[in-house]
Amino acid sequence: MTVSAMYPGTFDPITLGHEDLVRRACRLFDKVIVAIATNPGKEPMFSSGERVDLAKSVLSEISNVEVCGYEGLTVDFAREHNLQVIIRGLRAISDFEYEFQLSNMNRHLADDVETVFLTPTETYTYISSSLVREICSLGGDISEFVSPKVKSALMERCSRA
């Protein structure tokens, strides 16, 4: 049986922590779609297209990964693409309550789609896109948190702000 999964998020920008979870998920599932959400409640630094392009560039060497953007409900995307699993990352205990509520709501909306939680490698537990953006905007070194391509894009964006 082929089991396919999606890893949804805004990925603004994709970090080494995200990359770590994608690589590990690819060992568990036959296919992983990194689904980059357009969230009307957020004002991202990068457009949806830019976030998709950055993710594609840093994940390009992984053969069972696809990257695409999406709008709407995550469970609708999962069903439309015949995905059985939604992958969510848990960095800290503080993430758990929100992710628990989200997974229960998703189960209510689509009981045929399971949520699987993955924790990042310890090296990446403290990394978040919002912290990386803040560090970059204040002139800090983000080399340890993102790939060189993402670093370049972030530094260019922060220098224009």
Foldseek 3Di string as FASTA:
>chain_A
DAAEEEEEDQPLPPKVQNVQVVVVVVVVGVAYEDEHEDDPVDDRLDDSVVRQVQVCVVCVVRDRYHYDYDYDDPLVVCVVVVHQEYEDEDLDPVVPVVVVVVQVVSCVVPVRHHYDYDYGDPLQSPDDSVVLLVCLLVPHDCPSMHPPVVSVVSNVSSVVD
